[in-house]
Amino acid sequence: MSTEHYEQLRAERPDLFRNEPGGIEILTDPDAVSAAGGVLYQDPYVLLVRDPVRFPDGTEGTYIRSLSPTAEQGCVVLPLLDGDVVLIEHFRHATRSWHWEVPRGFGTAGLSDEENAAKELREEIGAVPDEVIPLGEVHPDTGTTGDHVSLFAARISGTGPLDGAEGIRRCLTVPFAEAEAMVGDGRITDAFTIAVLMRARLAGVAGGAR
């Protein structure tokens, strides 16, 4: 990739390059960008950059981070069926394991966050939401990832075909307390699912509350 691509990214998404007082400063000198690497790799799912930086003690170096290739936020959706939680058993290539999760996906250009949440429900569990409830945002990994993701709960009336092509083999409907117990005993380890369960509990939408 080129330093020109890095400069284009800076111009199009300046929020990814803001400098805060006392923080780790991203340097803008073209030679420093070239030496660091700038944009290292991009495909439809991952954008990898290495920034030239100045640390708070004044030393200079580089920092690598992963970004979404598009500006649209991804989403995580907690499906609630009569107050119970619908979980999917999803095979994840990165861990080479099956995980109990809630539906989630990348941001889609042209869709609002709520529309994107409805799209993920439709695609992954064949559900149409009766109500979509915003639950804020989460940064999935502040050490290596620059993205933040929108969290939602969605009340649904039922489920339909699962997206087997994405490695989803079954869904399970459990009381909210059971979903929390699955976090506690390690059956749920997915960070997005843990985050949206906690946000739903704090927002008072858990266990069928309206």
Protein backbone atom coordinates (compact mmCIF):
# COMPACT_ATOMS: atom_id res chain seq x y z
CA MET A 1 0.00 0.00 0.00
CA SER A 2 1.12 3.63 -0.32
CA THR A 3 1.54 6.69 1.88
CA GLU A 4 -0.97 8.35 -0.46
CA HIS A 5 -3.59 5.88 0.76
CA TYR A 6 -2.73 6.81 4.35
CA GLU A 7 -3.12 10.53 3.62
CA GLN A 8 -6.45 9.86 1.90
CA LEU A 9 -7.60 7.99 5.00
CA ARG A 10 -6.54 10.92 7.20
CA ALA A 11 -8.57 13.30 5.05
CA GLU A 12 -11.69 11.10 4.88
CA ARG A 13 -11.75 9.95 8.52
CA PRO A 14 -10.02 12.61 10.63
CA ASP A 15 -11.53 11.26 13.85
CA LEU A 16 -9.15 8.30 13.55
CA PHE A 17 -6.15 10.62 13.65
CA ARG A 18 -7.05 13.19 16.31
CA ASN A 19 -4.39 14.00 18.89
CA GLU A 20 -5.34 14.52 22.53
CA PRO A 21 -3.21 16.51 25.01
CA GLY A 22 -0.94 14.17 26.95
CA GLY A 23 -1.68 11.22 24.70
CA ILE A 24 0.29 9.36 22.05
CA GLU A 25 0.68 11.83 19.17
CA ILE A 26 0.34 10.71 15.56
CA LEU A 27 2.99 12.41 13.44
CA THR A 28 2.10 13.85 10.05
CA ASP A 29 5.49 14.20 8.38
CA PRO A 30 5.35 12.26 5.06
CA ASP A 31 8.82 10.78 5.62
CA ALA A 32 7.78 9.51 9.05
CA VAL A 33 4.62 8.00 7.58
CA SER A 34 6.64 6.31 4.84
CA ALA A 35 9.14 4.90 7.34
CA ALA A 36 6.36 3.61 9.61
CA GLY A 37 4.47 1.98 6.75
CA GLY A 38 1.16 3.88 6.70
CA VAL A 39 -1.56 1.61 5.31
CA LEU A 40 -0.12 -1.90 5.39
CA TYR A 41 -3.09 -3.94 4.18
CA GLN A 42 -6.75 -3.60 3.24
CA ASP A 43 -9.49 -5.98 2.16
CA PRO A 44 -13.30 -5.75 2.50
CA TYR A 45 -13.09 -6.62 6.20
CA VAL A 46 -9.79 -5.36 7.63
CA LEU A 47 -7.70 -2.21 7.33
CA LEU A 48 -4.28 -2.42 8.97
CA VAL A 49 -2.17 0.71 9.52
CA ARG A 50 1.14 1.48 11.21
CA ASP A 51 1.29 5.08 12.43
CA PRO A 52 4.39 7.15 13.19
CA VAL A 53 3.95 8.37 16.77
CA ARG A 54 5.52 10.42 19.56
CA PHE A 55 5.02 8.95 23.02
CA PRO A 56 4.30 11.13 26.09
CA ASP A 57 7.96 10.91 27.19
CA GLY A 58 9.05 12.45 23.87
CA THR A 59 10.43 9.34 22.22
CA GLU A 60 9.27 8.49 18.71
CA GLY A 61 8.27 5.16 17.30
CA THR A 62 5.40 3.38 15.56
CA TYR A 63 2.07 1.87 16.58
CA ILE A 64 0.03 -0.68 14.63
CA ARG A 65 -3.78 -0.80 14.70
CA SER A 66 -6.69 -2.46 12.95
CA LEU A 67 -9.57 -0.37 11.60
CA SER A 68 -12.81 -0.99 9.79
CA PRO A 69 -12.34 -0.40 6.05
CA THR A 70 -15.53 1.70 6.02
CA ALA A 71 -16.68 4.59 8.21
CA GLU A 72 -20.01 2.91 9.06
CA GLN A 73 -20.14 1.37 12.53
CA GLY A 74 -20.68 -2.31 13.07
CA CYS A 75 -23.51 -3.45 15.31
CA VAL A 76 -24.31 -6.06 17.96
CA VAL A 77 -27.96 -7.04 18.51
CA LEU A 78 -29.46 -8.81 21.52
CA PRO A 79 -32.67 -10.54 20.32
CA LEU A 80 -35.40 -10.71 22.96
CA LEU A 81 -38.25 -13.15 22.40
CA ASP A 82 -40.98 -12.71 25.05
CA GLY A 83 -38.26 -11.33 27.31
CA ASP A 84 -35.93 -14.29 26.78
CA VAL A 85 -32.58 -14.11 25.01
CA VAL A 86 -32.00 -15.73 21.62
CA LEU A 87 -28.42 -16.95 21.25
CA ILE A 88 -26.75 -18.43 18.20
CA GLU A 89 -24.06 -21.10 18.14
CA HIS A 90 -21.51 -19.67 15.72
CA PHE A 91 -18.27 -21.19 14.47
CA ARG A 92 -15.49 -18.62 14.45
CA HIS A 93 -12.50 -19.16 12.21
CA ALA A 94 -10.21 -16.96 14.33
CA THR A 95 -10.56 -19.19 17.40
CA ARG A 96 -11.36 -22.42 15.52
CA SER A 97 -14.19 -22.90 17.99
CA TRP A 98 -17.96 -22.78 18.39
CA HIS A 99 -19.23 -19.84 20.45
CA TRP A 100 -22.58 -18.86 21.94
CA GLU A 101 -23.18 -15.31 20.71
CA VAL A 102 -25.78 -12.78 19.66
CA PRO A 103 -26.03 -11.57 16.04
CA ARG A 104 -23.54 -8.94 14.92
CA GLY A 105 -22.04 -7.58 11.74
CA PHE A 106 -20.10 -4.90 9.92
CA GLY A 107 -21.55 -1.51 9.10
CA THR A 108 -23.35 -1.21 5.78
CA ALA A 109 -23.10 1.94 3.67
CA GLY A 110 -26.43 3.72 3.25
CA LEU A 111 -28.09 2.16 6.30
CA SER A 112 -28.72 3.78 9.67
CA ASP A 113 -27.45 1.96 12.75
CA GLU A 114 -30.99 0.72 13.49
CA GLU A 115 -31.44 -0.47 9.90
CA ASN A 116 -28.13 -2.25 10.08
CA ALA A 117 -29.24 -3.99 13.29
CA ALA A 118 -32.46 -5.14 11.59
CA LYS A 119 -30.44 -6.39 8.62
CA GLU A 120 -28.22 -8.54 10.85
CA LEU A 121 -31.24 -10.08 12.58
CA ARG A 122 -32.85 -10.89 9.25
CA GLU A 123 -29.70 -12.40 7.79
CA GLU A 124 -28.51 -14.42 10.79
CA ILE A 125 -31.71 -15.66 12.46
CA GLY A 126 -34.47 -14.80 9.99
CA ALA A 127 -36.12 -12.37 12.41
CA VAL A 128 -37.86 -9.02 11.86
CA PRO A 129 -37.64 -6.72 14.89
CA ASP A 130 -40.81 -5.30 16.44
CA GLU A 131 -38.70 -2.76 18.33
CA VAL A 132 -35.01 -1.81 18.22
CA ILE A 133 -33.56 -0.32 21.41
CA PRO A 134 -30.20 1.53 21.30
CA LEU A 135 -27.83 0.56 24.11
CA GLY A 136 -24.84 2.78 23.37
CA GLU A 137 -21.45 1.83 22.01
CA VAL A 138 -18.46 -0.31 22.93
CA HIS A 139 -14.81 -0.32 21.89
CA PRO A 140 -14.02 -4.02 21.40
CA ASP A 141 -10.25 -3.77 21.94
CA THR A 142 -8.76 -0.39 22.83
CA GLY A 143 -5.22 -1.76 22.57
CA THR A 144 -5.21 -2.75 18.90
CA THR A 145 -8.54 -1.78 17.31
CA GLY A 146 -9.70 1.75 16.52
CA ASP A 147 -13.35 0.91 15.91
CA HIS A 148 -16.40 1.30 18.09
CA VAL A 149 -19.55 -0.76 17.66
CA SER A 150 -23.22 0.10 18.27
CA LEU A 151 -25.14 -2.07 20.75
CA PHE A 152 -28.86 -2.79 20.48
CA ALA A 153 -31.58 -4.92 21.98
CA ALA A 154 -34.39 -5.95 19.65
CA ARG A 155 -37.79 -7.39 20.56
CA ILE A 156 -38.78 -10.08 18.06
CA SER A 157 -41.82 -12.31 17.60
CA GLY A 158 -39.97 -15.35 16.29
CA THR A 159 -37.02 -16.66 14.35
CA GLY A 160 -36.66 -18.09 10.86
CA PRO A 161 -33.93 -19.75 8.80
CA LEU A 162 -30.40 -19.49 10.21
CA ASP A 163 -27.46 -18.36 8.12
CA GLY A 164 -25.68 -21.69 7.83
CA ALA A 165 -23.27 -20.31 5.26
CA GLU A 166 -21.79 -18.12 8.00
CA GLY A 167 -21.22 -21.09 10.30
CA ILE A 168 -24.36 -20.74 12.44
CA ARG A 169 -25.69 -24.20 13.28
CA ARG A 170 -28.45 -23.57 15.84
CA CYS A 171 -30.12 -20.99 18.05
CA LEU A 172 -31.13 -21.29 21.68
CA THR A 173 -33.72 -19.27 23.60
CA VAL A 174 -32.97 -18.92 27.31
CA PRO A 175 -34.20 -16.73 30.18
CA PHE A 176 -32.08 -13.63 30.68
CA ALA A 177 -30.80 -14.98 33.99
CA GLU A 178 -29.61 -18.13 32.24
CA ALA A 179 -27.74 -16.08 29.64
CA GLU A 180 -26.00 -14.25 32.49
CA ALA A 181 -25.23 -17.60 34.13
CA MET A 182 -23.64 -18.74 30.86
CA VAL A 183 -21.34 -15.72 31.11
CA GLY A 184 -20.54 -16.56 34.70
CA ASP A 185 -19.62 -20.19 34.09
CA GLY A 186 -17.74 -19.57 30.85
CA ARG A 187 -20.18 -20.95 28.31
CA ILE A 188 -20.35 -17.45 26.82
CA THR A 189 -16.92 -15.93 26.25
CA ASP A 190 -17.66 -13.58 23.34
CA ALA A 191 -16.91 -10.04 24.52
CA PHE A 192 -19.61 -8.40 22.36
CA THR A 193 -22.28 -10.68 23.81
CA ILE A 194 -21.12 -10.06 27.36
CA ALA A 195 -21.16 -6.29 26.74
CA VAL A 196 -24.65 -6.16 25.25
CA LEU A 197 -26.07 -8.36 28.03
CA MET A 198 -24.67 -5.99 30.65
CA ARG A 199 -25.94 -2.90 28.83
CA ALA A 200 -29.40 -4.47 28.52
CA ARG A 201 -29.42 -5.26 32.23
CA LEU A 202 -28.37 -1.71 33.13
CA ALA A 203 -30.91 -0.20 30.73
CA GLY A 204 -33.76 -2.19 32.30
CA VAL A 205 -34.71 -4.12 29.17
CA ALA A 206 -33.69 -7.49 30.62
CA GLY A 207 -36.04 -10.28 31.59
CA GLY A 208 -39.06 -8.97 29.71
CA ALA A 209 -39.09 -5.53 31.36
CA ARG A 210 -40.82 -2.85 29.28
